[in-house]
Amino acid sequence: MKPELLWNNFKALCAIPRPSKNEAKALDYIAQYGRDLKLEVIRDNIGNVIIRKPATKGMENVTPVILQGHADMVPQKTPDSKHDFLKDPIETIVDGDWMRANNTTLGADNGIGVAAAMAVLADENAVHGPLEVLVTTDEETGMTGASNLEPNMLQGKILLNLDSEAEGELYIGCAGGQDVTATFQIEYVPTAEDDIAMKVTVSGLRGGHSGMDINTGVANANKLLARILKYAAANFEAFLVDINGGSLRNAIPREAAATLVIDSEDEDEFKEMISEFNELLRNEYADVEPNLLVSVEKVAKPAQVFSEICTDDIINAVQGCPNGVIRMNPSIPGLVQTSTNMASIVTEGGKVSVHFLLRSASESEKEDLASSIESVMRLAEAEVDIDNGYPGWQPNPKSAILKTLSDTYTQMYGKEPKVMAIHAGLECGIMAGTYPDWDMVSFGPTIMNPHSPQERVNIPSVERFYNLLLQTLKNIK
């Protein structure tokens, strides 16, 4: 596959386990890659890697450029996969014009972008001015590397972010984000003698990126489960034993499950209710969730369960909180302005925690949405933490590097690229707080279904993306 340098780099990255917060070995590899090329390599205090490559002869006075991506990947897998993201390499599969993984995320987000930047460092035919490659740490779960980037470490004036996922689209703006976590203290009561325990599971959902896929109509497993639990509590006097769903803040949850106790005399009727919900939801989501499944099984009865008040508070709060698209952008057709993803629910240590990731291009709307969720959760007696906020990236349509990149794309491919903003978190907005004078644009090849086991990258688009990168570097003045 072409370009060979890029694909070799991506293969090497796939061989190194690098889920978020566990990507240190990948960063070590990238740093050593730079040293092996006899280039200047810098590691900052948070773990980011900076590699400097001198300008091509005659290009010394060209505006210096930074190529930027992140080392970590989102770890998601199918229920039957035995993959261990902390130990196992990603098994890649070429399927026609696409590369995917074997029942896991591929890590093309952002492994392809990082592999492209590494390729430029080694590419003897690349023509460019003074060049820096910046590879950040922990982008997916906290924007940690970008948030802790130190001033005056980087010399470049133009940032090319290589973390976008649609060929032919140039991004000049992105949404900001905010984490909201609600925590319930569980009040327990003894299980009644005549009760039985039933585990209800919602599975088979597509999931996806909580920013880019939030408007596709895919189901959120946590919200579907809450809908069923609400009915069960009202009609069967069901009590919660536990509730768990989703795993990552920036992935739409694909599975969720809860254990309930009900009167043993209601077992058959309860199973029939679950069967009816399965049919109902499969019909509702037939076009987008063909593998949706609601199932139930009888399990061992516990000694204690959540109290009635505690059960009702948690179910009502989860059912009542907003999820999905809140508002579309009034100026840019088709662009989500504000959204929320009910990312995970965890029962552990006598507590139930519900985590949301909010996104918005508007700081005020993001704050208002966080306040709305806080209000619902506080009414249900939960403690609420609002933290890890990061700003959006405000578009600059008059950007000089945007014009250079756009003109280059048009010259190479005979059509104009789309200039867009994205409803996802790119590191550009955060880094602009430390380096406000940077001129920035984000672009990349076509990657489908990131943050899910269906993630795949279009192979021909990768070659075109890399050629566009090389020609843009050559055209920068």
Protein backbone atom coordinates (compact mmCIF):
# COMPACT_ATOMS: atom_id res chain seq x y z
CA MET A 1 0.00 0.00 0.00
CA LYS A 2 1.13 3.52 -0.73
CA PRO A 3 2.73 5.53 0.74
CA GLU A 4 4.91 2.80 2.15
CA LEU A 5 6.53 4.97 4.83
CA LEU A 6 3.16 5.94 6.27
CA TRP A 7 1.71 2.43 6.32
CA ASN A 8 4.88 0.99 7.88
CA ASN A 9 4.59 3.58 10.64
CA PHE A 10 0.94 2.77 11.19
CA LYS A 11 1.74 -0.95 11.34
CA ALA A 12 4.36 -0.22 14.00
CA LEU A 13 1.88 1.83 16.04
CA CYS A 14 -0.73 -0.94 15.79
CA ALA A 15 1.80 -3.33 17.32
CA ILE A 16 2.08 -1.16 20.46
CA PRO A 17 -0.90 -1.16 22.87
CA ARG A 18 -1.90 2.50 23.29
CA PRO A 19 -5.33 3.02 24.84
CA SER A 20 -5.76 6.43 26.45
CA LYS A 21 -3.63 6.90 29.57
CA ASN A 22 -1.57 3.86 28.55
CA GLU A 23 0.19 5.21 25.47
CA ALA A 24 3.62 5.84 27.04
CA LYS A 25 5.28 3.04 25.06
CA ALA A 26 3.93 4.45 21.80
CA LEU A 27 5.30 7.88 22.68
CA ASP A 28 8.65 6.30 23.57
CA TYR A 29 8.68 4.60 20.17
CA ILE A 30 7.92 7.87 18.35
CA ALA A 31 10.66 9.67 20.25
CA GLN A 32 13.18 6.95 19.40
CA TYR A 33 12.05 7.09 15.77
CA GLY A 34 13.10 10.75 15.73
CA ARG A 35 16.43 10.00 17.39
CA ASP A 36 17.16 7.25 14.87
CA LEU A 37 16.70 9.87 12.14
CA LYS A 38 19.30 12.05 13.95
CA LEU A 39 16.67 14.72 14.63
CA GLU A 40 16.18 16.88 17.71
CA VAL A 41 13.71 15.24 20.10
CA ILE A 42 12.09 16.93 23.12
CA ARG A 43 9.89 15.34 25.82
CA ASP A 44 7.94 17.75 27.99
CA ASN A 45 6.85 17.15 31.58
CA ILE A 46 3.43 15.71 30.65
CA GLY A 47 4.79 13.24 28.05
CA ASN A 48 4.23 15.06 24.74
CA VAL A 49 6.86 14.42 22.05
CA ILE A 50 8.30 17.18 19.86
CA ILE A 51 10.60 16.33 16.95
CA ARG A 52 12.32 19.02 14.88
CA LYS A 53 13.45 18.56 11.28
CA PRO A 54 15.48 21.29 9.55
CA ALA A 55 14.16 22.97 6.40
CA THR A 56 14.90 21.61 2.97
CA LYS A 57 17.74 23.52 1.32
CA GLY A 58 16.41 26.84 0.00
CA MET A 59 13.31 26.72 2.29
CA GLU A 60 14.99 28.01 5.43
CA ASN A 61 13.00 31.27 5.45
CA VAL A 62 9.60 29.68 4.92
CA THR A 63 7.11 30.02 7.80
CA PRO A 64 7.80 27.15 10.22
CA VAL A 65 5.10 24.47 10.44
CA ILE A 66 3.92 22.07 13.14
CA LEU A 67 2.37 18.71 12.21
CA GLN A 68 0.23 17.55 15.12
CA GLY A 69 -1.62 14.43 16.20
CA HIS A 70 -2.26 12.36 19.34
CA ALA A 71 -0.76 9.01 20.31
CA ASP A 72 -3.67 7.41 22.17
CA MET A 73 -6.64 5.49 20.76
CA VAL A 74 -10.14 4.61 21.97
CA PRO A 75 -10.34 0.95 23.18
CA GLN A 76 -13.67 -0.58 22.10
CA LYS A 77 -14.39 -4.19 21.12
CA THR A 78 -17.27 -6.52 20.34
CA PRO A 79 -18.68 -8.65 23.19
CA ASP A 80 -17.11 -11.84 21.82
CA SER A 81 -13.65 -10.34 21.37
CA LYS A 82 -10.89 -11.60 23.70
CA HIS A 83 -8.61 -8.67 22.82
CA ASP A 84 -6.67 -7.10 25.72
CA PHE A 85 -5.94 -3.47 24.84
CA LEU A 86 -3.17 -3.31 27.45
CA LYS A 87 -1.27 -6.28 26.02
CA ASP A 88 -2.36 -7.23 22.51
CA PRO A 89 -1.45 -5.59 19.19
CA ILE A 90 -4.27 -4.42 16.95
CA GLU A 91 -4.96 -7.06 14.30
CA THR A 92 -5.54 -5.20 11.03
CA ILE A 93 -7.55 -6.56 8.11
CA VAL A 94 -7.56 -5.22 4.54
CA ASP A 95 -11.06 -5.49 3.10
CA GLY A 96 -11.10 -4.11 -0.44
CA ASP A 97 -10.39 -0.37 -0.28
CA TRP A 98 -10.72 -0.36 3.50
CA MET A 99 -8.62 -1.34 6.48
CA ARG A 100 -10.35 -2.39 9.69
CA ALA A 101 -9.47 -4.32 12.82
CA ASN A 102 -10.54 -7.74 14.03
CA ASN A 103 -13.57 -6.85 16.20
CA THR A 104 -11.88 -3.86 17.85
CA THR A 105 -11.29 -0.23 17.16
CA LEU A 106 -8.54 0.21 14.57
CA GLY A 107 -6.80 3.25 16.01
CA ALA A 108 -6.74 5.05 12.67
CA ASP A 109 -7.99 7.87 14.88
CA ASN A 110 -5.34 9.24 15.23
CA GLY A 111 -2.74 6.66 14.28
CA ILE A 112 -2.93 7.53 10.58
CA GLY A 113 -2.28 11.21 11.28
CA VAL A 114 0.69 10.42 13.54
CA ALA A 115 2.04 7.91 11.00
CA ALA A 116 1.81 10.59 8.29
CA ALA A 117 3.76 13.11 10.39
CA MET A 118 6.40 10.47 11.11
CA ALA A 119 6.61 9.67 7.39
CA VAL A 120 7.34 13.32 6.56
CA LEU A 121 10.23 13.22 9.03
CA ALA A 122 11.78 10.26 7.19
CA ASP A 123 10.72 11.20 3.65
CA GLU A 124 13.87 12.31 1.78
CA ASN A 125 11.74 13.67 -1.07
CA ALA A 126 9.62 15.94 1.16
CA VAL A 127 10.16 19.67 0.50
CA HIS A 128 9.33 21.95 3.41
CA GLY A 129 10.40 24.81 5.63
CA PRO A 130 11.43 24.39 9.28
CA LEU A 131 9.30 21.56 10.62
CA GLU A 132 8.15 20.32 14.00
CA VAL A 133 6.09 17.23 14.76
CA LEU A 134 4.03 17.40 17.95
CA VAL A 135 2.48 14.17 19.25
CA THR A 136 0.30 14.70 22.30
CA THR A 137 -0.76 12.36 25.07
CA ASP A 138 -4.21 11.39 26.34
CA GLU A 139 -6.36 13.29 23.87
CA GLU A 140 -9.33 10.96 23.95
CA THR A 141 -10.08 10.96 27.67
CA GLY A 142 -8.94 14.37 28.85
CA MET A 143 -7.05 16.44 26.25
CA THR A 144 -4.24 16.15 28.80
CA GLY A 145 -1.29 16.74 26.48
CA ALA A 146 -2.85 19.75 24.77
CA SER A 147 -4.05 21.25 28.07
CA ASN A 148 -0.57 21.07 29.58
CA LEU A 149 1.41 22.21 26.56
CA GLU A 150 4.09 24.60 27.76
CA PRO A 151 4.53 28.04 26.17
CA ASN A 152 7.66 28.81 24.16
CA MET A 153 8.49 25.14 23.53
CA LEU A 154 7.34 25.18 19.92
CA GLN A 155 8.79 27.43 17.25
CA GLY A 156 6.23 26.91 14.49
CA LYS A 157 3.66 29.52 13.44
CA ILE A 158 1.35 27.25 11.41
CA LEU A 159 -0.33 24.18 12.89
CA LEU A 160 -1.56 21.39 10.62
CA ASN A 161 -3.73 19.16 12.81
CA LEU A 162 -3.94 15.70 11.20
CA ASP A 163 -6.88 14.44 13.25
CA SER A 164 -9.89 14.94 10.95
CA GLU A 165 -11.74 12.06 9.37
CA ALA A 166 -13.30 13.07 6.05
CA GLU A 167 -11.25 13.48 2.88
CA GLY A 168 -11.95 16.71 1.04
CA GLU A 169 -13.04 18.55 4.18
CA LEU A 170 -10.91 21.21 5.84
CA TYR A 171 -11.82 22.05 9.42
CA ILE A 172 -11.32 25.48 10.94
CA GLY A 173 -13.43 25.16 14.08
CA CYS A 174 -14.62 22.60 16.63
CA ALA A 175 -16.84 22.25 19.66
CA GLY A 176 -15.72 22.65 23.23
CA GLY A 177 -16.43 19.99 25.84
CA GLN A 178 -17.44 19.50 29.46
CA ASP A 179 -17.64 16.49 31.78
CA VAL A 180 -20.56 16.14 34.20
CA THR A 181 -20.65 13.32 36.75
CA ALA A 182 -23.60 12.61 39.04
CA THR A 183 -23.06 10.28 42.01
CA PHE A 184 -25.80 8.56 44.02
CA GLN A 185 -25.17 7.07 47.46
CA ILE A 186 -26.98 3.74 47.50
CA GLU A 187 -29.40 3.01 50.33
CA TYR A 188 -29.80 -0.75 50.72
CA VAL A 189 -32.69 -2.83 52.13
CA PRO A 190 -32.98 -6.62 52.61
CA THR A 191 -34.31 -8.67 49.71
CA ALA A 192 -37.81 -10.04 50.27
CA GLU A 193 -38.18 -13.79 50.68
CA ASP A 194 -40.45 -14.24 47.64
CA ASP A 195 -38.33 -12.12 45.29
CA ILE A 196 -36.29 -13.36 42.34
CA ALA A 197 -33.48 -11.55 40.49
CA MET A 198 -33.64 -10.80 36.77
CA LYS A 199 -30.85 -9.29 34.67
CA VAL A 200 -32.01 -7.09 31.77
CA THR A 201 -29.49 -6.35 29.01
CA VAL A 202 -29.55 -4.00 26.03
CA SER A 203 -26.91 -5.02 23.48
CA GLY A 204 -25.98 -5.14 19.81
CA LEU A 205 -25.94 -1.37 19.26
CA ARG A 206 -23.60 0.36 16.80
CA GLY A 207 -22.18 2.97 19.15
CA GLY A 208 -19.82 5.49 17.64
CA HIS A 209 -18.09 8.81 18.23
CA SER A 210 -20.06 10.90 20.70
CA GLY A 211 -19.45 14.04 18.67
CA MET A 212 -19.42 13.09 15.01
CA ASP A 213 -22.08 10.36 15.28
CA ILE A 214 -24.41 12.03 17.79
CA ASN A 215 -26.78 13.18 15.03
CA THR A 216 -26.95 9.86 13.14
CA GLY A 217 -29.89 8.51 15.13
CA VAL A 218 -28.00 5.62 16.74
CA ALA A 219 -29.39 4.48 20.08
CA ASN A 220 -27.82 5.08 23.47
CA ALA A 221 -27.92 1.83 25.47
CA ASN A 222 -28.14 3.64 28.81
CA LYS A 223 -31.20 5.60 27.73
CA LEU A 224 -32.96 2.54 26.29
CA LEU A 225 -32.30 0.62 29.49
CA ALA A 226 -33.68 3.47 31.63
CA ARG A 227 -36.86 3.44 29.55
CA ILE A 228 -37.35 -0.26 30.31
CA LEU A 229 -36.48 0.13 33.99
CA LYS A 230 -38.97 2.96 34.39
CA TYR A 231 -41.73 0.66 33.19
CA ALA A 232 -40.50 -2.22 35.35
CA ALA A 233 -40.44 -0.11 38.51
CA ALA A 234 -43.91 1.27 37.86
CA ASN A 235 -45.61 -2.00 36.88
CA PHE A 236 -43.71 -4.71 38.75
CA GLU A 237 -42.52 -2.87 41.86
CA ALA A 238 -39.00 -3.77 40.77
CA PHE A 239 -35.98 -2.82 42.88
CA LEU A 240 -32.50 -2.24 41.49
CA VAL A 241 -29.56 -4.44 42.43
CA ASP A 242 -27.08 -2.80 40.06
CA ILE A 243 -26.95 -0.82 36.82
CA ASN A 244 -24.00 -0.54 34.43
CA GLY A 245 -23.64 0.72 30.87
CA GLY A 246 -21.09 2.23 28.52
CA SER A 247 -17.40 2.64 29.28
CA LEU A 248 -15.86 5.70 27.61
CA ARG A 249 -16.83 9.35 27.83
CA ASN A 250 -16.48 9.98 24.10
CA ALA A 251 -18.16 6.82 22.81
CA ILE A 252 -21.91 6.34 22.48
CA PRO A 253 -22.66 3.33 24.73
CA ARG A 254 -23.40 0.10 22.87
CA GLU A 255 -24.41 -2.06 25.86
CA ALA A 256 -26.07 -1.60 29.23
CA ALA A 257 -27.45 -3.99 31.86
CA ALA A 258 -29.29 -3.85 35.16
CA THR A 259 -30.21 -6.48 37.73
CA LEU A 260 -33.65 -6.16 39.33
CA VAL A 261 -35.64 -8.09 41.89
CA ILE A 262 -39.34 -8.76 41.36
CA ASP A 263 -41.96 -10.96 42.97
CA SER A 264 -41.49 -14.56 41.85
CA GLU A 265 -45.13 -14.73 40.77
CA ASP A 266 -44.43 -12.07 38.11
CA GLU A 267 -41.60 -13.93 36.37
CA ASP A 268 -43.49 -14.98 33.25
CA GLU A 269 -45.22 -11.62 32.85
CA PHE A 270 -41.88 -9.82 33.32
CA LYS A 271 -40.23 -11.90 30.61
CA GLU A 272 -43.15 -11.17 28.30
CA MET A 273 -42.72 -7.45 28.97
CA ILE A 274 -39.05 -7.65 28.02
CA SER A 275 -39.96 -9.49 24.82
CA GLU A 276 -42.44 -6.76 23.94
CA PHE A 277 -39.85 -4.06 24.56
CA ASN A 278 -37.41 -5.95 22.36
CA GLU A 279 -39.90 -5.96 19.49
CA LEU A 280 -40.91 -2.34 20.10
CA LEU A 281 -37.37 -0.96 20.16
CA ARG A 282 -36.21 -3.06 17.22
CA ASN A 283 -39.07 -1.58 15.20
CA GLU A 284 -38.28 1.96 16.33
CA TYR A 285 -34.60 1.65 15.44
CA ALA A 286 -34.88 -0.77 12.51
CA ASP A 287 -33.05 1.51 10.07
CA VAL A 288 -30.05 2.30 12.28
CA GLU A 289 -29.80 -0.53 14.83
CA PRO A 290 -30.50 -3.82 13.03
CA ASN A 291 -28.75 -5.86 15.74
CA LEU A 292 -30.45 -4.27 18.75
CA LEU A 293 -31.38 -6.87 21.36
CA VAL A 294 -33.17 -6.61 24.72
CA SER A 295 -32.75 -9.81 26.70
CA VAL A 296 -33.46 -11.09 30.20
CA GLU A 297 -32.11 -13.93 32.34
CA LYS A 298 -32.75 -15.15 35.84
CA VAL A 299 -29.73 -14.77 38.12
CA ALA A 300 -28.80 -15.49 41.73
CA LYS A 301 -30.81 -13.45 44.22
CA PRO A 302 -28.71 -11.01 46.28
CA ALA A 303 -29.10 -10.44 50.01
CA GLN A 304 -29.88 -6.75 49.60
CA VAL A 305 -31.24 -4.35 46.99
CA PHE A 306 -31.57 -0.60 46.48
CA SER A 307 -34.36 0.93 48.52
CA GLU A 308 -37.55 1.98 46.75
CA ILE A 309 -36.66 5.67 46.97
CA CYS A 310 -33.10 5.05 45.78
CA THR A 311 -34.34 2.88 42.89
CA ASP A 312 -36.87 5.48 41.80
CA ASP A 313 -34.43 8.39 42.11
CA ILE A 314 -31.77 6.75 39.94
CA ILE A 315 -34.17 5.48 37.28
CA ASN A 316 -36.09 8.76 37.07
CA ALA A 317 -32.92 10.84 36.88
CA VAL A 318 -31.36 8.70 34.13
CA GLN A 319 -34.63 8.63 32.23
CA GLY A 320 -35.19 12.37 32.68
CA CYS A 321 -31.77 13.71 31.71
CA PRO A 322 -31.31 14.90 28.11
CA ASN A 323 -29.19 12.92 25.67
CA GLY A 324 -28.23 13.48 22.05
CA VAL A 325 -28.54 16.60 19.93
CA ILE A 326 -29.77 19.61 21.88
CA ARG A 327 -29.47 22.28 19.19
CA MET A 328 -28.31 22.50 15.59
CA ASN A 329 -26.04 25.33 14.49
CA PRO A 330 -28.24 28.19 13.23
CA SER A 331 -25.62 29.39 10.71
CA ILE A 332 -24.07 26.21 9.30
CA PRO A 333 -26.58 23.71 7.85
CA GLY A 334 -26.16 20.18 9.15
CA LEU A 335 -23.72 21.08 11.95
CA VAL A 336 -24.63 20.17 15.51
CA GLN A 337 -24.23 23.13 17.85
CA THR A 338 -24.80 21.48 21.24
CA SER A 339 -25.15 17.88 22.38
CA THR A 340 -24.72 15.54 25.31
CA ASN A 341 -23.76 11.88 25.56
CA MET A 342 -24.85 9.87 28.61
CA ALA A 343 -21.62 7.96 28.32
CA SER A 344 -21.51 5.58 31.26
CA ILE A 345 -23.31 4.34 34.36
CA VAL A 346 -21.31 2.42 36.96
CA THR A 347 -22.38 0.69 40.19
CA GLU A 348 -19.41 0.31 42.50
CA GLY A 349 -18.50 0.76 46.14
CA GLY A 350 -21.98 1.59 47.35
CA LYS A 351 -22.44 4.29 44.70
CA VAL A 352 -23.94 4.71 41.25
CA SER A 353 -22.11 7.18 39.01
CA VAL A 354 -23.55 8.60 35.80
CA HIS A 355 -21.11 10.34 33.46
CA PHE A 356 -21.94 12.76 30.65
CA LEU A 357 -19.78 14.40 28.00
CA LEU A 358 -21.24 17.68 26.78
CA ARG A 359 -20.15 19.40 23.56
CA SER A 360 -20.98 22.82 22.18
CA ALA A 361 -19.59 25.53 19.94
CA SER A 362 -21.17 27.98 22.40
CA GLU A 363 -19.72 28.30 25.90
CA SER A 364 -22.99 29.70 27.24
CA GLU A 365 -25.03 26.82 25.79
CA LYS A 366 -22.56 24.31 27.20
CA GLU A 367 -22.87 25.90 30.65
CA ASP A 368 -26.67 25.95 30.40
CA LEU A 369 -26.79 22.27 29.43
CA ALA A 370 -24.53 21.34 32.33
CA SER A 371 -26.83 23.31 34.62
CA SER A 372 -29.89 21.45 33.28
CA ILE A 373 -28.34 18.04 33.95
CA GLU A 374 -27.18 19.21 37.37
CA SER A 375 -30.71 20.35 38.21
CA VAL A 376 -32.27 16.99 37.30
CA MET A 377 -29.64 15.05 39.22
CA ARG A 378 -29.80 17.24 42.32
CA LEU A 379 -33.58 16.82 42.45
CA ALA A 380 -32.83 13.08 42.68
CA GLU A 381 -30.42 13.68 45.59
CA ALA A 382 -27.23 13.07 43.59
CA GLU A 383 -23.96 14.89 44.08
CA VAL A 384 -22.83 16.57 40.85
CA ASP A 385 -19.32 17.45 39.67
CA ILE A 386 -18.76 19.64 36.60
CA ASP A 387 -15.14 19.64 35.47
CA ASN A 388 -12.60 19.04 32.66
CA GLY A 389 -14.08 21.78 30.52
CA TYR A 390 -12.18 22.78 27.41
CA PRO A 391 -12.88 25.56 24.91
CA GLY A 392 -13.98 25.28 21.32
CA TRP A 393 -11.94 26.47 18.36
CA GLN A 394 -13.40 29.57 16.78
CA PRO A 395 -13.31 29.55 12.96
CA ASN A 396 -11.11 31.98 11.01
CA PRO A 397 -12.30 31.93 7.38
CA LYS A 398 -9.51 34.37 6.43
CA SER A 399 -6.75 32.01 7.58
CA ALA A 400 -3.68 32.10 5.32
CA ILE A 401 -2.93 28.39 5.75
CA LEU A 402 -6.57 27.59 4.96
CA LYS A 403 -6.17 29.40 1.61
CA THR A 404 -2.90 27.60 0.86
CA LEU A 405 -4.33 24.20 1.70
CA SER A 406 -7.59 24.87 -0.13
CA ASP A 407 -5.82 26.12 -3.28
CA THR A 408 -3.47 23.13 -3.19
CA TYR A 409 -6.36 20.69 -2.91
CA THR A 410 -8.17 22.34 -5.83
CA GLN A 411 -5.04 22.26 -8.01
CA MET A 412 -4.39 18.60 -7.22
CA TYR A 413 -7.90 17.17 -7.41
CA GLY A 414 -9.82 19.56 -9.64
CA LYS A 415 -12.49 20.52 -7.13
CA GLU A 416 -12.77 22.77 -4.13
CA PRO A 417 -12.69 21.23 -0.63
CA LYS A 418 -15.44 21.83 1.87
CA VAL A 419 -14.48 24.28 4.62
CA MET A 420 -16.23 23.25 7.81
CA ALA A 421 -16.41 23.19 11.57
CA ILE A 422 -16.79 19.90 13.42
CA HIS A 423 -18.92 18.84 16.38
CA ALA A 424 -16.05 17.03 18.04
CA GLY A 425 -13.17 17.98 20.27
CA LEU A 426 -9.97 18.81 18.45
CA GLU A 427 -6.93 19.93 20.37
CA CYS A 428 -6.64 23.13 18.35
CA GLY A 429 -8.90 25.20 20.58
CA ILE A 430 -7.01 24.24 23.72
CA MET A 431 -3.57 24.82 22.21
CA ALA A 432 -4.68 28.21 20.93
CA GLY A 433 -4.94 29.29 24.55
CA THR A 434 -1.19 28.72 24.93
CA TYR A 435 -0.21 29.75 21.38
CA PRO A 436 -2.83 32.34 20.34
CA ASP A 437 -0.93 33.43 17.23
CA TRP A 438 -0.94 30.03 15.54
CA ASP A 439 -2.68 29.79 12.16
CA MET A 440 -4.44 26.40 12.22
CA VAL A 441 -6.36 23.99 10.02
CA SER A 442 -7.29 20.32 10.45
CA PHE A 443 -7.61 17.67 7.73
CA GLY A 444 -7.21 13.94 7.20
CA PRO A 445 -8.27 10.86 5.22
CA THR A 446 -11.68 9.19 5.39
CA ILE A 447 -12.22 7.24 8.62
CA MET A 448 -15.63 5.72 9.28
CA ASN A 449 -17.18 4.80 12.65
CA PRO A 450 -14.33 5.93 14.90
CA HIS A 451 -14.63 4.98 18.59
CA SER A 452 -16.43 1.75 17.71
CA PRO A 453 -15.40 -1.78 16.63
CA GLN A 454 -16.66 -0.89 13.15
CA GLU A 455 -13.90 1.74 12.70
CA ARG A 456 -12.26 1.59 9.27
CA VAL A 457 -10.05 3.79 7.11
CA ASN A 458 -10.29 4.22 3.35
CA ILE A 459 -6.92 3.16 1.91
CA PRO A 460 -6.92 5.25 -1.32
CA SER A 461 -7.87 8.36 0.68
CA VAL A 462 -4.78 7.90 2.86
CA GLU A 463 -2.47 8.19 -0.15
CA ARG A 464 -4.29 11.30 -1.39
CA PHE A 465 -4.18 12.80 2.11
CA TYR A 466 -0.43 12.27 2.36
CA ASN A 467 0.22 13.69 -1.11
CA LEU A 468 -1.88 16.74 -0.18
CA LEU A 469 0.16 17.17 2.98
CA LEU A 470 3.45 17.04 1.09
CA GLN A 471 2.33 19.47 -1.61
CA THR A 472 0.91 21.89 0.98
CA LEU A 473 4.22 21.93 2.86
CA LYS A 474 5.95 22.67 -0.45
CA ASN A 475 3.53 25.53 -1.22
CA ILE A 476 3.75 27.35 2.12
CA LYS A 477 5.58 30.65 1.82
